[in-house]
C-alpha atoms as a PDB file:
ATOM      1  CA  MET A   1      11.748  -9.889  17.208  1.00  0.00           C
ATOM      2  CA  LYS A   2      12.412  -6.148  15.402  1.00  0.00           C
ATOM      3  CA  LYS A   3       8.759  -5.022  15.166  1.00  0.00           C
ATOM      4  CA  GLU A   4       8.548  -1.463  12.839  1.00  0.00           C
ATOM      5  CA  THR A   5       5.734   0.188  11.187  1.00  0.00           C
ATOM      6  CA  ILE A   6       5.290   1.234   7.257  1.00  0.00           C
ATOM      7  CA  ILE A   7       2.220   2.630   5.971  1.00  0.00           C
ATOM      8  CA  PHE A   8       1.726   2.253   1.926  1.00  0.00           C
ATOM      9  CA  GLY A   9      -0.853   3.809   0.317  1.00  0.00           C
ATOM     10  CA  GLY A  10      -0.868   2.240  -3.492  1.00  0.00           C
ATOM     11  CA  GLY A  11      -4.689   2.368  -4.921  1.00  0.00           C
ATOM     12  CA  CYS A  12      -7.638   0.881  -3.242  1.00  0.00           C
ATOM     13  CA  PHE A  13      -6.837  -0.326   0.501  1.00  0.00           C
ATOM     14  CA  TRP A  14      -9.056  -3.306   0.082  1.00  0.00           C
ATOM     15  CA  CYS A  15      -6.401  -4.835  -2.385  1.00  0.00           C
ATOM     16  CA  THR A  16      -3.173  -3.370  -0.513  1.00  0.00           C
ATOM     17  CA  GLU A  17      -4.394  -5.085   2.584  1.00  0.00           C
ATOM     18  CA  ALA A  18      -5.188  -8.792   1.013  1.00  0.00           C
ATOM     19  CA  VAL A  19      -1.569  -8.386  -0.630  1.00  0.00           C
ATOM     20  CA  PHE A  20       0.306  -7.963   2.671  1.00  0.00           C
ATOM     21  CA  LYS A  21      -2.466 -10.299   5.180  1.00  0.00           C
ATOM     22  CA  ILE A  22      -0.649 -12.883   3.237  1.00  0.00           C
ATOM     23  CA  LEU A  23       3.554 -12.202   3.972  1.00  0.00           C
ATOM     24  CA  ARG A  24       5.499 -14.157   5.731  1.00  0.00           C
ATOM     25  CA  GLY A  25       7.040 -11.155   9.176  1.00  0.00           C
ATOM     26  CA  VAL A  26       3.670  -8.882   8.062  1.00  0.00           C
ATOM     27  CA  ILE A  27       1.977  -8.920  11.691  1.00  0.00           C
ATOM     28  CA  SER A  28      -0.441  -6.768  11.342  1.00  0.00           C
ATOM     29  CA  VAL A  29      -2.201  -5.072   8.109  1.00  0.00           C
ATOM     30  CA  GLU A  30      -5.062  -1.922   8.958  1.00  0.00           C
ATOM     31  CA  PRO A  31      -6.752  -0.002   6.258  1.00  0.00           C
ATOM     32  CA  GLY A  32      -7.706   3.785   6.954  1.00  0.00           C
ATOM     33  CA  TYR A  33      -6.553   7.160   5.676  1.00  0.00           C
ATOM     34  CA  THR A  34      -3.487   9.461   6.169  1.00  0.00           C
ATOM     35  CA  GLY A  35      -1.871  12.202   4.039  1.00  0.00           C
ATOM     36  CA  GLY A  36      -4.704  15.151   4.345  1.00  0.00           C
ATOM     37  CA  SER A  37      -5.907  17.949   6.328  1.00  0.00           C
ATOM     38  CA  LYS A  38      -9.633  16.745   7.575  1.00  0.00           C
ATOM     39  CA  ALA A  39      -9.427  15.427  11.354  1.00  0.00           C
ATOM     40  CA  LYS A  40     -11.416  11.562  11.774  1.00  0.00           C
ATOM     41  CA  PRO A  41     -12.182  11.749   8.202  1.00  0.00           C
ATOM     42  CA  THR A  42     -14.690   9.127   6.520  1.00  0.00           C
ATOM     43  CA  TYR A  43     -14.623   6.698   3.812  1.00  0.00           C
ATOM     44  CA  GLU A  44     -17.562   8.520   1.717  1.00  0.00           C
ATOM     45  CA  GLU A  45     -15.493  12.143   2.279  1.00  0.00           C
ATOM     46  CA  VAL A  46     -11.439  10.612   1.281  1.00  0.00           C
ATOM     47  CA  CYS A  47     -13.742   9.140  -1.741  1.00  0.00           C
ATOM     48  CA  ASN A  48     -14.776  12.236  -2.963  1.00  0.00           C
ATOM     49  CA  GLY A  49     -11.182  14.022  -2.878  1.00  0.00           C
ATOM     50  CA  SER A  50     -11.932  16.616  -0.677  1.00  0.00           C
ATOM     51  CA  THR A  51      -9.973  15.779   2.315  1.00  0.00           C
ATOM     52  CA  GLY A  52      -6.457  15.297   0.606  1.00  0.00           C
ATOM     53  CA  HIS A  53      -6.091  11.817   2.591  1.00  0.00           C
ATOM     54  CA  ALA A  54      -4.785   8.581   0.505  1.00  0.00           C
ATOM     55  CA  GLU A  55      -6.260   5.206   1.241  1.00  0.00           C
ATOM     56  CA  VAL A  56      -3.771   3.134   2.902  1.00  0.00           C
ATOM     57  CA  VAL A  57      -2.554   0.620   4.837  1.00  0.00           C
ATOM     58  CA  LYS A  58      -0.530   0.637   8.134  1.00  0.00           C
ATOM     59  CA  ILE A  59       1.804  -2.577   7.921  1.00  0.00           C
ATOM     60  CA  GLU A  60       3.611  -3.888  11.234  1.00  0.00           C
ATOM     61  CA  TYR A  61       6.317  -6.476  10.345  1.00  0.00           C
ATOM     62  CA  ASP A  62       8.884  -8.229  11.998  1.00  0.00           C
ATOM     63  CA  ALA A  63      12.088  -6.682   9.832  1.00  0.00           C
ATOM     64  CA  ASP A  64      13.942 -10.119  11.793  1.00  0.00           C
ATOM     65  CA  VAL A  65      11.886 -11.893   9.335  1.00  0.00           C
ATOM     66  CA  VAL A  66      10.891  -9.652   5.986  1.00  0.00           C
ATOM     67  CA  SER A  67      12.995  -6.523   5.338  1.00  0.00           C
ATOM     68  CA  LEU A  68      11.875  -3.084   4.239  1.00  0.00           C
ATOM     69  CA  GLU A  69      13.679  -3.822   0.436  1.00  0.00           C
ATOM     70  CA  THR A  70      11.238  -7.420   0.619  1.00  0.00           C
ATOM     71  CA  LEU A  71       8.231  -5.192   0.983  1.00  0.00           C
ATOM     72  CA  LEU A  72       8.826  -2.462  -1.115  1.00  0.00           C
ATOM     73  CA  THR A  73       9.701  -5.148  -3.676  1.00  0.00           C
ATOM     74  CA  VAL A  74       5.915  -6.203  -3.456  1.00  0.00           C
ATOM     75  CA  PHE A  75       4.320  -3.521  -3.083  1.00  0.00           C
ATOM     76  CA  PHE A  76       6.383  -1.924  -6.382  1.00  0.00           C
ATOM     77  CA  SER A  77       5.074  -5.280  -7.998  1.00  0.00           C
ATOM     78  CA  SER A  78       1.494  -5.074  -6.703  1.00  0.00           C
ATOM     79  CA  HIS A  79       0.696  -1.681  -8.160  1.00  0.00           C
ATOM     80  CA  ASP A  80       0.879   0.945 -11.085  1.00  0.00           C
ATOM     81  CA  PRO A  81       3.701   3.301  -9.373  1.00  0.00           C
ATOM     82  CA  THR A  82       4.147   5.438 -12.387  1.00  0.00           C
ATOM     83  CA  THR A  83       0.494   6.523 -12.738  1.00  0.00           C
ATOM     84  CA  LYS A  84       0.074  10.014 -10.750  1.00  0.00           C
ATOM     85  CA  ASP A  85      -3.262   9.563  -8.691  1.00  0.00           C
ATOM     86  CA  ARG A  86      -4.668   6.603 -10.339  1.00  0.00           C
ATOM     87  CA  GLN A  87      -4.610   3.152 -10.305  1.00  0.00           C
ATOM     88  CA  GLY A  88      -7.022   1.160 -12.720  1.00  0.00           C
ATOM     89  CA  ASN A  89     -10.340   2.623 -13.272  1.00  0.00           C
ATOM     90  CA  ASP A  90      -9.804   4.623  -9.709  1.00  0.00           C
ATOM     91  CA  MET A  91      -8.862   8.234 -10.113  1.00  0.00           C
ATOM     92  CA  GLY A  92      -8.020  11.000  -7.417  1.00  0.00           C
ATOM     93  CA  THR A  93      -5.305  11.890  -5.131  1.00  0.00           C
ATOM     94  CA  GLN A  94      -6.881   9.029  -2.279  1.00  0.00           C
ATOM     95  CA  TYR A  95      -5.538   6.532  -4.834  1.00  0.00           C
ATOM     96  CA  ARG A  96      -2.078   7.598  -5.566  1.00  0.00           C
ATOM     97  CA  SER A  97       0.789   5.752  -4.927  1.00  0.00           C
ATOM     98  CA  VAL A  98       2.642   6.902  -2.007  1.00  0.00           C
ATOM     99  CA  ILE A  99       4.856   5.822   1.327  1.00  0.00           C
ATOM    100  CA  PHE A 100       4.908   7.457   4.875  1.00  0.00           C
ATOM    101  CA  CYS A 101       8.095   6.425   6.986  1.00  0.00           C
ATOM    102  CA  GLU A 102       8.245   6.330  10.878  1.00  0.00           C
ATOM    103  CA  THR A 103      11.804   6.674  10.315  1.00  0.00           C
ATOM    104  CA  SER A 104      14.056   8.644   8.262  1.00  0.00           C
ATOM    105  CA  THR A 105      16.554   5.695   7.798  1.00  0.00           C
ATOM    106  CA  GLN A 106      13.458   4.362   6.135  1.00  0.00           C
ATOM    107  CA  ARG A 107      13.106   7.235   3.710  1.00  0.00           C
ATOM    108  CA  GLU A 108      16.414   7.023   3.086  1.00  0.00           C
ATOM    109  CA  ILE A 109      15.674   3.350   2.010  1.00  0.00           C
ATOM    110  CA  CYS A 110      12.478   3.740   0.227  1.00  0.00           C
ATOM    111  CA  LYS A 111      13.961   6.683  -1.976  1.00  0.00           C
ATOM    112  CA  LYS A 112      17.104   4.837  -2.845  1.00  0.00           C
ATOM    113  CA  PHE A 113      14.439   2.307  -4.017  1.00  0.00           C
ATOM    114  CA  ILE A 114      12.616   4.689  -6.111  1.00  0.00           C
ATOM    115  CA  ALA A 115      15.926   5.884  -7.919  1.00  0.00           C
ATOM    116  CA  ASP A 116      17.004   2.204  -8.191  1.00  0.00           C
ATOM    117  CA  LEU A 117      14.113   1.380 -10.052  1.00  0.00           C
ATOM    118  CA  ASN A 118      13.786   4.764 -11.881  1.00  0.00           C
ATOM    119  CA  ASN A 119      17.894   4.141 -13.061  1.00  0.00           C
ATOM    120  CA  SER A 120      16.863  -0.043 -13.955  1.00  0.00           C
ATOM    121  CA  SER A 121      15.573   1.131 -17.183  1.00  0.00           C
ATOM    122  CA  GLU A 122      15.304   3.824 -19.682  1.00  0.00           C
ATOM    123  CA  LEU A 123      12.022   2.151 -21.568  1.00  0.00           C
ATOM    124  CA  GLY A 124       9.857   2.720 -18.728  1.00  0.00           C
ATOM    125  CA  ALA A 125       7.772   5.413 -17.188  1.00  0.00           C
ATOM    126  CA  PRO A 126       9.694   6.970 -13.890  1.00  0.00           C
ATOM    127  CA  VAL A 127       8.108   5.855 -10.446  1.00  0.00           C
ATOM    128  CA  VAL A 128       5.984   8.690  -9.398  1.00  0.00           C
ATOM    129  CA  THR A 129       5.946   7.450  -5.996  1.00  0.00           C
ATOM    130  CA  ASP A 130       6.025  10.319  -2.878  1.00  0.00           C
ATOM    131  CA  VAL A 131       7.880   9.544  -0.068  1.00  0.00           C
ATOM    132  CA  GLY A 132       7.238  10.942   3.516  1.00  0.00           C
ATOM    133  CA  ARG A 133       6.957  10.967   7.057  1.00  0.00           C
ATOM    134  CA  ARG A 134       4.125   9.414   9.244  1.00  0.00           C
ATOM    135  CA  GLU A 135       1.255  11.508  10.274  1.00  0.00           C
ATOM    136  CA  ILE A 136      -1.796  11.308  11.304  1.00  0.00           C
ATOM    137  CA  PHE A 137      -3.204   7.614  10.331  1.00  0.00           C
ATOM    138  CA  TYR A 138      -6.752   7.532  11.110  1.00  0.00           C
ATOM    139  CA  PRO A 139      -8.442   3.708  10.654  1.00  0.00           C
ATOM    140  CA  ALA A 140     -10.815   2.662   8.284  1.00  0.00           C
ATOM    141  CA  GLU A 141     -14.521   1.864   9.424  1.00  0.00           C
ATOM    142  CA  ASP A 142     -14.715  -1.601  10.702  1.00  0.00           C
ATOM    143  CA  TYR A 143     -16.397  -3.331   7.470  1.00  0.00           C
ATOM    144  CA  HIS A 144     -13.357  -2.293   5.515  1.00  0.00           C
ATOM    145  CA  LYS A 145     -11.634  -4.352   7.606  1.00  0.00           C
ATOM    146  CA  ASN A 146      -9.993  -7.834   6.427  1.00  0.00           C
ATOM    147  CA  TYR A 147     -12.492  -7.008   2.999  1.00  0.00           C
ATOM    148  CA  TYR A 148     -11.344  -9.444   1.291  1.00  0.00           C
ATOM    149  CA  GLU A 149     -11.993 -12.130   3.214  1.00  0.00           C
ATOM    150  CA  ASN A 150     -15.058 -11.169   4.312  1.00  0.00           C
ATOM    151  CA  ASN A 151     -16.872 -10.301   0.886  1.00  0.00           C
ATOM    152  CA  LYS A 152     -14.442 -13.036  -1.752  1.00  0.00           C
ATOM    153  CA  GLU A 153     -17.555 -13.481  -3.588  1.00  0.00           C
ATOM    154  CA  GLN A 154     -18.093  -9.539  -4.409  1.00  0.00           C
ATOM    155  CA  GLY A 155     -17.516  -9.067  -8.105  1.00  0.00           C
ATOM    156  CA  TYR A 156     -14.852  -6.312  -7.288  1.00  0.00           C
ATOM    157  CA  CYS A 157     -12.707  -8.942  -5.226  1.00  0.00           C
ATOM    158  CA  GLN A 158     -13.363 -11.254  -8.174  1.00  0.00           C
ATOM    159  CA  VAL A 159     -12.402  -8.884 -10.984  1.00  0.00           C
ATOM    160  CA  VAL A 160      -9.572  -6.864  -9.287  1.00  0.00           C
ATOM    161  CA  ILE A 161      -8.268  -8.662  -6.038  1.00  0.00           C
ATOM    162  CA  ASN A 162      -8.026 -11.884  -7.140  1.00  0.00           C
ATOM    163  CA  PRO A 163      -6.083 -11.834 -10.322  1.00  0.00           C
ATOM    164  CA  LYS A 164      -3.245  -8.970  -8.313  1.00  0.00           C
ATOM    165  CA  LEU A 165      -3.558 -11.907  -5.060  1.00  0.00           C
ATOM    166  CA  LYS A 166      -2.595 -14.856  -7.560  1.00  0.00           C
ATOM    167  CA  LYS A 167      -0.407 -12.676  -9.193  1.00  0.00           C
ATOM    168  CA  VAL A 168       1.594 -12.096  -5.632  1.00  0.00           C
ATOM    169  CA  GLN A 169       1.614 -15.565  -5.105  1.00  0.00           C
ATOM    170  CA  GLN A 170       2.803 -16.827  -7.908  1.00  0.00           C
ATOM    171  CA  LYS A 171       5.884 -14.395  -7.715  1.00  0.00           C
ATOM    172  CA  PHE A 172       6.553 -14.180  -4.163  1.00  0.00           C
ATOM    173  CA  SER A 173       5.594 -18.086  -3.444  1.00  0.00           C
ATOM    174  CA  GLU A 174       8.951 -18.054  -1.117  1.00  0.00           C
ATOM    175  CA  LEU A 175       7.473 -14.730   1.043  1.00  0.00           C
ATOM    176  CA  LEU A 176       3.859 -16.559   1.878  1.00  0.00           C
ATOM    177  CA  LYS A 177       2.964 -17.235   5.005  1.00  0.00           C
END
C-alpha cells in the first residue's frame, strides 16, 4: 500500500466528504479547516469568514489503487472550480476551490492538471483553484463527520448532496467501492 494524503476544498465539506468516501482506494476522508490564520477555529468562526480558513477534507488514499490524477478528475467534476470564493449559494473565502499538497510532486501534478484543463477549451471559464502547500489542518467538530451518512433525510442533503452524489456515481461508476 502506498498511502498518500491530499486536502481538497470544493465548497461545503459535507458534499466533498460524501463524494470521496464512495471511491475505491480512498482510505479515509476527514472534514476540517485549513488555509487561514486562526488557531483551532470553530465551524461558526469559519462560516462567518473571519478566519481565512477554507472548509476542506483531508483525504488519505492508496496511490496503488487510485491515482492523484483520478482524484483530481473527480474533484474538478464535482464542484465549480471556475467561481472564485463561491459554490452555489455558499459564498465567501471559506468555500473557495483549493488544494493543499503534501509534496512538491503533488503540487506539480495539480498545477499541470489545472493548466491542461485551462488549455483544453477556449469556451470555458478558467479554473481559479489555488494550489498550495499543506498547512495546519484542524479537524471539524464531530457532528460534521459522516454528515451525509448521518443526515440523509435533511433538506440540504436531499437538495444539494444527493444530486451531486448521483452525478459522481453515474459519471465515475468504475471508481466506486
